[in-house]
C-alpha cells in the first residue's frame, strides 16, 4: 500500500519489530529511586562488556598502582562501593588510576572504575573526588548503558523502516527527509534521554557520597570550579550533559536529603 511516494508496509513491519524489541526487553527497577526502565542487555552481558573495555583501556594506558594519589582514589572507591548498597552488591568493584592529564573519570558496567590524574587538581579534595566517582558509579548501578543500547536499537529500527518506505522518492528528497528525521531523533530523543541519565546519576551519586561520609556540599564547589575553569561545554540543548548551572541548581534542591544521610553516616 502506498500513499504518494511512501510505502506503508515497511513502516508497519518496523513498528512490529519496534514493539517486539521494547516489550520483549528486560525490565529494570532502580533500587535507589524505584524508577522503572527497559534495558537492552542482561547484567551478565553488561559486566562482560565492561570488563573487556576495562582491559582495553588499561592496555593502552600508563597506570599508577601505588603512592598517595592512588591511595586516595582507592579509599574513595572503597567507601563509595559500600554506600551503593543493594544496587551495587553484586558488582566486582575495581579502580585504576591512569597517568593522563585528561579531566575525566568513568565507571564501566559491572563496576570497573577509571580515574585520570588530570581530574585530581580540579577535585582538590576527597569529597570532590567522591562527587565525580559517585556520579560515574551511579551510571553503572542504574544500568544507563543498557538503557542506551535499547534506545539506540529502537531508534535504528524506526529509521530503517522510514528509509525503506521512502525508497521510491527522488534521492535528494529522500536524503533531506532522512537528515531531518535523524536530527529530530538526536535532539528530540537521544540527547534528552542522555540528560535524564545524567540528572539521575547526579541524584544517586550525591546520596552515595553522603552515605560514604563525604560532605555533599562539596559537590556544589566542585561543579562551580569546573564552570570557572571554562569547561562549560556546548549549550545544554546540544549536549547530553546538563549545564553546570542547571546541575548545581538540581544538586541544591537535593541537598537537605543528602545532608541527612551525611549526618547519619557521621553518627550525628
C-alpha atoms as a PDB file:
ATOM      1  CA  UNK A   1       0.000   0.000   0.000  1.00  0.00           C
ATOM      2  CA  UNK A   2       1.285   3.447  -0.969  1.00  0.00           C
ATOM      3  CA  UNK A   3       0.243   6.997  -0.394  1.00  0.00           C
ATOM      4  CA  UNK A   4       2.248   9.319  -2.590  1.00  0.00           C
ATOM      5  CA  UNK A   5       5.840   8.113  -2.577  1.00  0.00           C
ATOM      6  CA  UNK A   6       5.642   6.486   0.847  1.00  0.00           C
ATOM      7  CA  UNK A   7       5.420   2.703   1.312  1.00  0.00           C
ATOM      8  CA  UNK A   8       3.464   1.963   4.465  1.00  0.00           C
ATOM      9  CA  UNK A   9       4.135  -1.778   4.766  1.00  0.00           C
ATOM     10  CA  UNK A  10       7.823  -1.296   5.773  1.00  0.00           C
ATOM     11  CA  UNK A  11       6.713   1.216   8.403  1.00  0.00           C
ATOM     12  CA  UNK A  12       4.182  -1.288   9.768  1.00  0.00           C
ATOM     13  CA  UNK A  13       6.827  -4.034   9.878  1.00  0.00           C
ATOM     14  CA  UNK A  14       9.277  -1.692  11.591  1.00  0.00           C
ATOM     15  CA  UNK A  15       6.551  -0.852  14.093  1.00  0.00           C
ATOM     16  CA  UNK A  16       6.077  -4.524  14.922  1.00  0.00           C
ATOM     17  CA  UNK A  17       9.834  -5.030  15.334  1.00  0.00           C
ATOM     18  CA  UNK A  18       9.979  -1.878  17.470  1.00  0.00           C
ATOM     19  CA  UNK A  19       7.209  -3.210  19.728  1.00  0.00           C
ATOM     20  CA  UNK A  20       8.877  -6.631  19.961  1.00  0.00           C
ATOM     21  CA  UNK A  21      12.222  -5.051  20.907  1.00  0.00           C
ATOM     22  CA  UNK A  22      10.663  -2.842  23.561  1.00  0.00           C
ATOM     23  CA  UNK A  23       8.117  -5.142  25.182  1.00  0.00           C
ATOM     24  CA  UNK A  24      10.423  -8.147  24.916  1.00  0.00           C
ATOM     25  CA  UNK A  25      13.294  -6.364  26.647  1.00  0.00           C
ATOM     26  CA  UNK A  26      14.274  -6.868  30.275  1.00  0.00           C
ATOM     27  CA  UNK A  27      12.618  -4.583  32.813  1.00  0.00           C
ATOM     28  CA  UNK A  28      14.746  -2.905  35.467  1.00  0.00           C
ATOM     29  CA  UNK A  29      13.708  -1.177  38.686  1.00  0.00           C
ATOM     30  CA  UNK A  30      16.362   1.106  40.159  1.00  0.00           C
ATOM     31  CA  UNK A  31      16.820   0.060  43.818  1.00  0.00           C
ATOM     32  CA  UNK A  32      17.817   3.599  44.758  1.00  0.00           C
ATOM     33  CA  UNK A  33      14.933   5.539  43.218  1.00  0.00           C
ATOM     34  CA  UNK A  34      12.302   2.942  42.321  1.00  0.00           C
ATOM     35  CA  UNK A  35      12.285   4.220  38.738  1.00  0.00           C
ATOM     36  CA  UNK A  36      11.316   1.645  36.113  1.00  0.00           C
ATOM     37  CA  UNK A  37      13.005   1.264  32.734  1.00  0.00           C
ATOM     38  CA  UNK A  38      13.741  -1.224  29.959  1.00  0.00           C
ATOM     39  CA  UNK A  39      17.270  -2.396  29.141  1.00  0.00           C
ATOM     40  CA  UNK A  40      18.849  -3.849  26.020  1.00  0.00           C
ATOM     41  CA  UNK A  41      21.156  -6.447  27.595  1.00  0.00           C
ATOM     42  CA  UNK A  42      21.469  -8.646  30.663  1.00  0.00           C
ATOM     43  CA  UNK A  43      23.560  -7.844  33.736  1.00  0.00           C
ATOM     44  CA  UNK A  44      25.964 -10.604  32.702  1.00  0.00           C
ATOM     45  CA  UNK A  45      26.364  -9.144  29.210  1.00  0.00           C
ATOM     46  CA  UNK A  46      26.955  -5.703  30.688  1.00  0.00           C
ATOM     47  CA  UNK A  47      29.630  -6.998  33.052  1.00  0.00           C
ATOM     48  CA  UNK A  48      31.416  -8.914  30.283  1.00  0.00           C
ATOM     49  CA  UNK A  49      31.411  -5.874  28.013  1.00  0.00           C
ATOM     50  CA  UNK A  50      32.599  -3.640  30.850  1.00  0.00           C
ATOM     51  CA  UNK A  51      35.461  -5.978  31.730  1.00  0.00           C
ATOM     52  CA  UNK A  52      36.554  -6.232  28.093  1.00  0.00           C
ATOM     53  CA  UNK A  53      36.575  -2.453  27.706  1.00  0.00           C
ATOM     54  CA  UNK A  54      38.407  -2.052  31.028  1.00  0.00           C
ATOM     55  CA  UNK A  55      41.204  -4.353  29.860  1.00  0.00           C
ATOM     56  CA  UNK A  56      41.490  -2.485  26.568  1.00  0.00           C
ATOM     57  CA  UNK A  57      41.729   0.895  28.304  1.00  0.00           C
ATOM     58  CA  UNK A  58      44.401  -0.316  30.723  1.00  0.00           C
ATOM     59  CA  UNK A  59      46.403  -1.955  27.929  1.00  0.00           C
ATOM     60  CA  UNK A  60      46.643   1.408  26.167  1.00  0.00           C
ATOM     61  CA  UNK A  61      47.396   3.481  29.264  1.00  0.00           C
ATOM     62  CA  UNK A  62      50.020   4.043  31.917  1.00  0.00           C
ATOM     63  CA  UNK A  63      48.561   3.134  35.293  1.00  0.00           C
ATOM     64  CA  UNK A  64      49.621   4.250  38.763  1.00  0.00           C
ATOM     65  CA  UNK A  65      49.436   1.379  41.244  1.00  0.00           C
ATOM     66  CA  UNK A  66      50.902   2.948  44.380  1.00  0.00           C
ATOM     67  CA  UNK A  67      51.579   6.267  46.061  1.00  0.00           C
ATOM     68  CA  UNK A  68      49.459   8.942  47.782  1.00  0.00           C
ATOM     69  CA  UNK A  69      47.223   9.699  44.788  1.00  0.00           C
ATOM     70  CA  UNK A  70      46.433   6.042  44.206  1.00  0.00           C
ATOM     71  CA  UNK A  71      45.707   5.514  47.905  1.00  0.00           C
ATOM     72  CA  UNK A  72      43.211   8.390  47.885  1.00  0.00           C
ATOM     73  CA  UNK A  73      41.435   7.103  44.781  1.00  0.00           C
ATOM     74  CA  UNK A  74      41.326   3.557  46.141  1.00  0.00           C
ATOM     75  CA  UNK A  75      39.936   4.692  49.506  1.00  0.00           C
ATOM     76  CA  UNK A  76      37.231   6.848  47.919  1.00  0.00           C
ATOM     77  CA  UNK A  77      36.217   3.995  45.613  1.00  0.00           C
ATOM     78  CA  UNK A  78      36.029   1.529  48.507  1.00  0.00           C
ATOM     79  CA  UNK A  79      33.846   3.787  50.650  1.00  0.00           C
ATOM     80  CA  UNK A  80      31.540   4.601  47.753  1.00  0.00           C
ATOM     81  CA  UNK A  81      31.203   0.931  46.790  1.00  0.00           C
ATOM     82  CA  UNK A  82      29.929   0.124  50.280  1.00  0.00           C
ATOM     83  CA  UNK A  83      27.488   3.045  50.055  1.00  0.00           C
ATOM     84  CA  UNK A  84      25.868   1.701  46.867  1.00  0.00           C
ATOM     85  CA  UNK A  85      24.019  -0.849  48.994  1.00  0.00           C
ATOM     86  CA  UNK A  86      21.671  -3.228  47.214  1.00  0.00           C
ATOM     87  CA  UNK A  87      22.289  -1.645  43.809  1.00  0.00           C
ATOM     88  CA  UNK A  88      25.990  -2.466  43.812  1.00  0.00           C
ATOM     89  CA  UNK A  89      26.213  -5.557  45.985  1.00  0.00           C
ATOM     90  CA  UNK A  90      26.694  -7.921  43.019  1.00  0.00           C
ATOM     91  CA  UNK A  91      29.330  -5.734  41.353  1.00  0.00           C
ATOM     92  CA  UNK A  92      33.014  -6.638  41.334  1.00  0.00           C
ATOM     93  CA  UNK A  93      34.297  -3.148  42.060  1.00  0.00           C
ATOM     94  CA  UNK A  94      37.802  -2.339  40.863  1.00  0.00           C
ATOM     95  CA  UNK A  95      39.511   1.024  40.359  1.00  0.00           C
ATOM     96  CA  UNK A  96      42.530   2.060  38.292  1.00  0.00           C
ATOM     97  CA  UNK A  97      44.320   5.404  38.257  1.00  0.00           C
ATOM     98  CA  UNK A  98      45.673   6.415  34.851  1.00  0.00           C
ATOM     99  CA  UNK A  99      48.556   8.857  34.476  1.00  0.00           C
ATOM    100  CA  UNK A 100      46.954  11.237  31.992  1.00  0.00           C
ATOM    101  CA  UNK A 101      46.106  14.942  32.034  1.00  0.00           C
ATOM    102  CA  UNK A 102      42.546  14.334  30.839  1.00  0.00           C
ATOM    103  CA  UNK A 103      39.979  15.771  33.243  1.00  0.00           C
ATOM    104  CA  UNK A 104      37.940  12.598  33.272  1.00  0.00           C
ATOM    105  CA  UNK A 105      36.696   9.580  35.188  1.00  0.00           C
ATOM    106  CA  UNK A 106      34.213   6.857  34.310  1.00  0.00           C
ATOM    107  CA  UNK A 107      32.736   3.623  35.611  1.00  0.00           C
ATOM    108  CA  UNK A 108      32.037   0.761  33.244  1.00  0.00           C
ATOM    109  CA  UNK A 109      29.138  -1.681  33.609  1.00  0.00           C
ATOM    110  CA  UNK A 110      29.977  -4.258  36.245  1.00  0.00           C
ATOM    111  CA  UNK A 111      31.911  -1.831  38.439  1.00  0.00           C
ATOM    112  CA  UNK A 112      35.249  -1.176  36.721  1.00  0.00           C
ATOM    113  CA  UNK A 113      36.264   2.416  37.583  1.00  0.00           C
ATOM    114  CA  UNK A 114      38.860   4.511  35.764  1.00  0.00           C
ATOM    115  CA  UNK A 115      40.158   7.817  37.133  1.00  0.00           C
ATOM    116  CA  UNK A 116      42.574  10.069  35.228  1.00  0.00           C
ATOM    117  CA  UNK A 117      45.152  12.053  37.198  1.00  0.00           C
ATOM    118  CA  UNK A 118      44.064  15.184  35.329  1.00  0.00           C
ATOM    119  CA  UNK A 119      40.881  15.394  37.375  1.00  0.00           C
ATOM    120  CA  UNK A 120      42.662  15.396  40.743  1.00  0.00           C
ATOM    121  CA  UNK A 121      43.805  19.070  40.650  1.00  0.00           C
ATOM    122  CA  UNK A 122      40.251  20.131  39.791  1.00  0.00           C
ATOM    123  CA  UNK A 123      38.766  17.980  42.548  1.00  0.00           C
ATOM    124  CA  UNK A 124      41.260  19.326  45.126  1.00  0.00           C
ATOM    125  CA  UNK A 125      39.916  17.106  47.931  1.00  0.00           C
ATOM    126  CA  UNK A 126      38.481  13.679  48.671  1.00  0.00           C
ATOM    127  CA  UNK A 127      34.853  14.830  48.839  1.00  0.00           C
ATOM    128  CA  UNK A 128      35.017  16.471  45.414  1.00  0.00           C
ATOM    129  CA  UNK A 129      36.621  13.335  44.001  1.00  0.00           C
ATOM    130  CA  UNK A 130      33.764  11.358  45.553  1.00  0.00           C
ATOM    131  CA  UNK A 131      31.377  13.660  43.672  1.00  0.00           C
ATOM    132  CA  UNK A 132      32.738  12.545  40.319  1.00  0.00           C
ATOM    133  CA  UNK A 133      33.295   8.915  41.197  1.00  0.00           C
ATOM    134  CA  UNK A 134      29.896   8.587  42.868  1.00  0.00           C
ATOM    135  CA  UNK A 135      28.246  10.079  39.791  1.00  0.00           C
ATOM    136  CA  UNK A 136      30.008   7.623  37.482  1.00  0.00           C
ATOM    137  CA  UNK A 137      29.284   4.650  39.725  1.00  0.00           C
ATOM    138  CA  UNK A 138      25.617   5.666  39.735  1.00  0.00           C
ATOM    139  CA  UNK A 139      25.589   5.388  35.935  1.00  0.00           C
ATOM    140  CA  UNK A 140      26.718   1.771  36.320  1.00  0.00           C
ATOM    141  CA  UNK A 141      24.327   0.749  39.099  1.00  0.00           C
ATOM    142  CA  UNK A 142      21.442   2.449  37.259  1.00  0.00           C
ATOM    143  CA  UNK A 143      22.302   0.420  34.145  1.00  0.00           C
ATOM    144  CA  UNK A 144      22.250   3.509  31.967  1.00  0.00           C
ATOM    145  CA  UNK A 145      24.472   1.848  29.370  1.00  0.00           C
ATOM    146  CA  UNK A 146      21.991  -0.995  28.870  1.00  0.00           C
ATOM    147  CA  UNK A 147      19.152   1.513  28.640  1.00  0.00           C
ATOM    148  CA  UNK A 148      21.021   3.453  25.939  1.00  0.00           C
ATOM    149  CA  UNK A 149      21.638   0.250  23.973  1.00  0.00           C
ATOM    150  CA  UNK A 150      17.902  -0.390  23.816  1.00  0.00           C
ATOM    151  CA  UNK A 151      17.119   3.240  22.974  1.00  0.00           C
ATOM    152  CA  UNK A 152      19.611   3.226  20.105  1.00  0.00           C
ATOM    153  CA  UNK A 153      18.282  -0.094  18.799  1.00  0.00           C
ATOM    154  CA  UNK A 154      14.734   1.258  18.818  1.00  0.00           C
ATOM    155  CA  UNK A 155      15.816   4.439  17.043  1.00  0.00           C
ATOM    156  CA  UNK A 156      17.684   2.456  14.375  1.00  0.00           C
ATOM    157  CA  UNK A 157      14.660   0.211  13.796  1.00  0.00           C
ATOM    158  CA  UNK A 158      12.395   3.210  13.307  1.00  0.00           C
ATOM    159  CA  UNK A 159      14.877   4.917  10.976  1.00  0.00           C
ATOM    160  CA  UNK A 160      15.335   1.773   8.865  1.00  0.00           C
ATOM    161  CA  UNK A 161      11.575   1.415   8.458  1.00  0.00           C
ATOM    162  CA  UNK A 162      11.270   5.002   7.287  1.00  0.00           C
ATOM    163  CA  UNK A 163      14.269   4.655   4.951  1.00  0.00           C
ATOM    164  CA  UNK A 164      12.739   1.633   3.185  1.00  0.00           C
ATOM    165  CA  UNK A 165       9.349   3.322   2.964  1.00  0.00           C
ATOM    166  CA  UNK A 166      10.923   6.284   1.141  1.00  0.00           C
ATOM    167  CA  UNK A 167      12.842   4.178  -1.386  1.00  0.00           C
ATOM    168  CA  UNK A 168      10.745   5.441  -4.330  1.00  0.00           C
ATOM    169  CA  UNK A 169      11.498   9.067  -3.538  1.00  0.00           C
ATOM    170  CA  UNK A 170      13.994  11.090  -5.532  1.00  0.00           C
ATOM    171  CA  UNK A 171      17.407  10.665  -3.886  1.00  0.00           C
ATOM    172  CA  UNK A 172      17.894  14.278  -2.883  1.00  0.00           C
ATOM    173  CA  UNK A 173      14.451  14.494  -1.322  1.00  0.00           C
ATOM    174  CA  UNK A 174      14.944  11.175   0.458  1.00  0.00           C
ATOM    175  CA  UNK A 175      18.258  12.348   1.859  1.00  0.00           C
ATOM    176  CA  UNK A 176      16.713  15.593   3.111  1.00  0.00           C
ATOM    177  CA  UNK A 177      13.868  13.761   4.848  1.00  0.00           C
ATOM    178  CA  UNK A 178      16.196  11.236   6.487  1.00  0.00           C
ATOM    179  CA  UNK A 179      18.533  14.017   7.566  1.00  0.00           C
ATOM    180  CA  UNK A 180      15.680  15.873   9.221  1.00  0.00           C
ATOM    181  CA  UNK A 181      14.442  12.720  10.937  1.00  0.00           C
ATOM    182  CA  UNK A 182      17.952  11.871  12.090  1.00  0.00           C
ATOM    183  CA  UNK A 183      18.394  15.306  13.611  1.00  0.00           C
ATOM    184  CA  UNK A 184      14.998  15.014  15.248  1.00  0.00           C
ATOM    185  CA  UNK A 185      15.911  11.674  16.788  1.00  0.00           C
ATOM    186  CA  UNK A 186      19.240  13.023  18.005  1.00  0.00           C
ATOM    187  CA  UNK A 187      17.970  16.255  19.539  1.00  0.00           C
ATOM    188  CA  UNK A 188      14.464  15.129  20.451  1.00  0.00           C
ATOM    189  CA  UNK A 189      15.089  11.619  21.771  1.00  0.00           C
ATOM    190  CA  UNK A 190      18.705  10.582  22.340  1.00  0.00           C
ATOM    191  CA  UNK A 191      20.052  13.796  23.885  1.00  0.00           C
ATOM    192  CA  UNK A 192      17.158  14.323  26.318  1.00  0.00           C
ATOM    193  CA  UNK A 193      17.422  10.616  27.170  1.00  0.00           C
ATOM    194  CA  UNK A 194      21.110  11.151  27.977  1.00  0.00           C
ATOM    195  CA  UNK A 195      20.377  14.248  30.060  1.00  0.00           C
ATOM    196  CA  UNK A 196      17.832  12.264  32.081  1.00  0.00           C
ATOM    197  CA  UNK A 197      20.550   9.751  32.879  1.00  0.00           C
ATOM    198  CA  UNK A 198      22.968  12.494  33.883  1.00  0.00           C
ATOM    199  CA  UNK A 199      20.416  14.010  36.241  1.00  0.00           C
ATOM    200  CA  UNK A 200      19.660  10.619  37.768  1.00  0.00           C
ATOM    201  CA  UNK A 201      23.379   9.904  38.225  1.00  0.00           C
ATOM    202  CA  UNK A 202      23.803  13.278  39.945  1.00  0.00           C
ATOM    203  CA  UNK A 203      20.975  12.463  42.355  1.00  0.00           C
ATOM    204  CA  UNK A 204      22.133   8.946  43.168  1.00  0.00           C
ATOM    205  CA  UNK A 205      25.826   9.847  43.222  1.00  0.00           C
ATOM    206  CA  UNK A 206      25.105  12.608  45.724  1.00  0.00           C
ATOM    207  CA  UNK A 207      23.483  10.084  48.053  1.00  0.00           C
ATOM    208  CA  UNK A 208      26.364   7.642  47.592  1.00  0.00           C
ATOM    209  CA  UNK A 209      28.939  10.230  48.650  1.00  0.00           C
ATOM    210  CA  UNK A 210      26.797  11.369  51.590  1.00  0.00           C
ATOM    211  CA  UNK A 211      26.300   7.808  52.857  1.00  0.00           C
ATOM    212  CA  UNK A 212      30.031   7.205  52.421  1.00  0.00           C
ATOM    213  CA  UNK A 213      30.722  10.088  54.816  1.00  0.00           C
ATOM    214  CA  UNK A 214      31.765  12.749  52.292  1.00  0.00           C
ATOM    215  CA  UNK A 215      30.267  16.215  52.668  1.00  0.00           C
ATOM    216  CA  UNK A 216      27.727  16.510  49.813  1.00  0.00           C
ATOM    217  CA  UNK A 217      28.077  20.303  49.823  1.00  0.00           C
ATOM    218  CA  UNK A 218      31.465  19.824  48.216  1.00  0.00           C
ATOM    219  CA  UNK A 219      29.667  18.659  45.059  1.00  0.00           C
ATOM    220  CA  UNK A 220      28.482  22.244  44.557  1.00  0.00           C
ATOM    221  CA  UNK A 221      32.004  23.579  44.964  1.00  0.00           C
ATOM    222  CA  UNK A 222      33.381  21.045  42.517  1.00  0.00           C
ATOM    223  CA  UNK A 223      30.950  21.896  39.714  1.00  0.00           C
ATOM    224  CA  UNK A 224      31.493  25.594  40.329  1.00  0.00           C
ATOM    225  CA  UNK A 225      35.233  25.043  39.899  1.00  0.00           C
ATOM    226  CA  UNK A 226      34.580  23.146  36.689  1.00  0.00           C
ATOM    227  CA  UNK A 227      32.483  26.053  35.461  1.00  0.00           C
ATOM    228  CA  UNK A 228      35.102  28.634  36.423  1.00  0.00           C
ATOM    229  CA  UNK A 229      37.769  26.569  34.680  1.00  0.00           C
ATOM    230  CA  UNK A 230      35.936  27.208  31.415  1.00  0.00           C
ATOM    231  CA  UNK A 231      34.776  23.656  30.836  1.00  0.00           C
ATOM    232  CA  UNK A 232      31.111  24.546  30.412  1.00  0.00           C
ATOM    233  CA  UNK A 233      30.928  22.826  27.012  1.00  0.00           C
ATOM    234  CA  UNK A 234      28.257  23.393  24.342  1.00  0.00           C
ATOM    235  CA  UNK A 235      24.802  24.837  25.040  1.00  0.00           C
ATOM    236  CA  UNK A 236      22.657  22.465  27.077  1.00  0.00           C
ATOM    237  CA  UNK A 237      20.258  21.658  24.233  1.00  0.00           C
ATOM    238  CA  UNK A 238      23.218  20.429  22.154  1.00  0.00           C
ATOM    239  CA  UNK A 239      24.616  18.197  24.856  1.00  0.00           C
ATOM    240  CA  UNK A 240      23.716  15.020  26.710  1.00  0.00           C
ATOM    241  CA  UNK A 241      25.039  16.707  29.861  1.00  0.00           C
ATOM    242  CA  UNK A 242      23.161  19.456  31.690  1.00  0.00           C
ATOM    243  CA  UNK A 243      24.939  22.785  32.007  1.00  0.00           C
ATOM    244  CA  UNK A 244      26.890  23.321  35.208  1.00  0.00           C
ATOM    245  CA  UNK A 245      24.342  25.942  36.283  1.00  0.00           C
ATOM    246  CA  UNK A 246      21.442  23.525  35.844  1.00  0.00           C
ATOM    247  CA  UNK A 247      23.372  20.769  37.574  1.00  0.00           C
ATOM    248  CA  UNK A 248      24.171  22.982  40.575  1.00  0.00           C
ATOM    249  CA  UNK A 249      20.517  24.018  40.933  1.00  0.00           C
ATOM    250  CA  UNK A 250      19.410  20.385  40.899  1.00  0.00           C
ATOM    251  CA  UNK A 251      22.024  19.411  43.476  1.00  0.00           C
ATOM    252  CA  UNK A 252      20.998  22.294  45.724  1.00  0.00           C
ATOM    253  CA  UNK A 253      17.398  21.054  45.666  1.00  0.00           C
ATOM    254  CA  UNK A 254      18.593  17.613  46.801  1.00  0.00           C
ATOM    255  CA  UNK A 255      20.953  18.912  49.481  1.00  0.00           C
ATOM    256  CA  UNK A 256      18.619  18.644  52.524  1.00  0.00           C
ATOM    257  CA  UNK A 257      18.093  14.925  51.899  1.00  0.00           C
ATOM    258  CA  UNK A 258      21.806  14.404  51.253  1.00  0.00           C
ATOM    259  CA  UNK A 259      22.784  16.268  54.422  1.00  0.00           C
ATOM    260  CA  UNK A 260      20.525  13.997  56.470  1.00  0.00           C
ATOM    261  CA  UNK A 261      22.323  10.956  55.050  1.00  0.00           C
ATOM    262  CA  UNK A 262      25.693  12.612  55.666  1.00  0.00           C
ATOM    263  CA  UNK A 263      24.801  13.312  59.304  1.00  0.00           C
ATOM    264  CA  UNK A 264      23.725   9.702  59.822  1.00  0.00           C
ATOM    265  CA  UNK A 265      26.964   8.455  58.255  1.00  0.00           C
ATOM    266  CA  UNK A 266      28.952  10.582  60.692  1.00  0.00           C
ATOM    267  CA  UNK A 267      26.835   9.458  63.634  1.00  0.00           C
ATOM    268  CA  UNK A 268      25.449  12.919  64.324  1.00  0.00           C
END
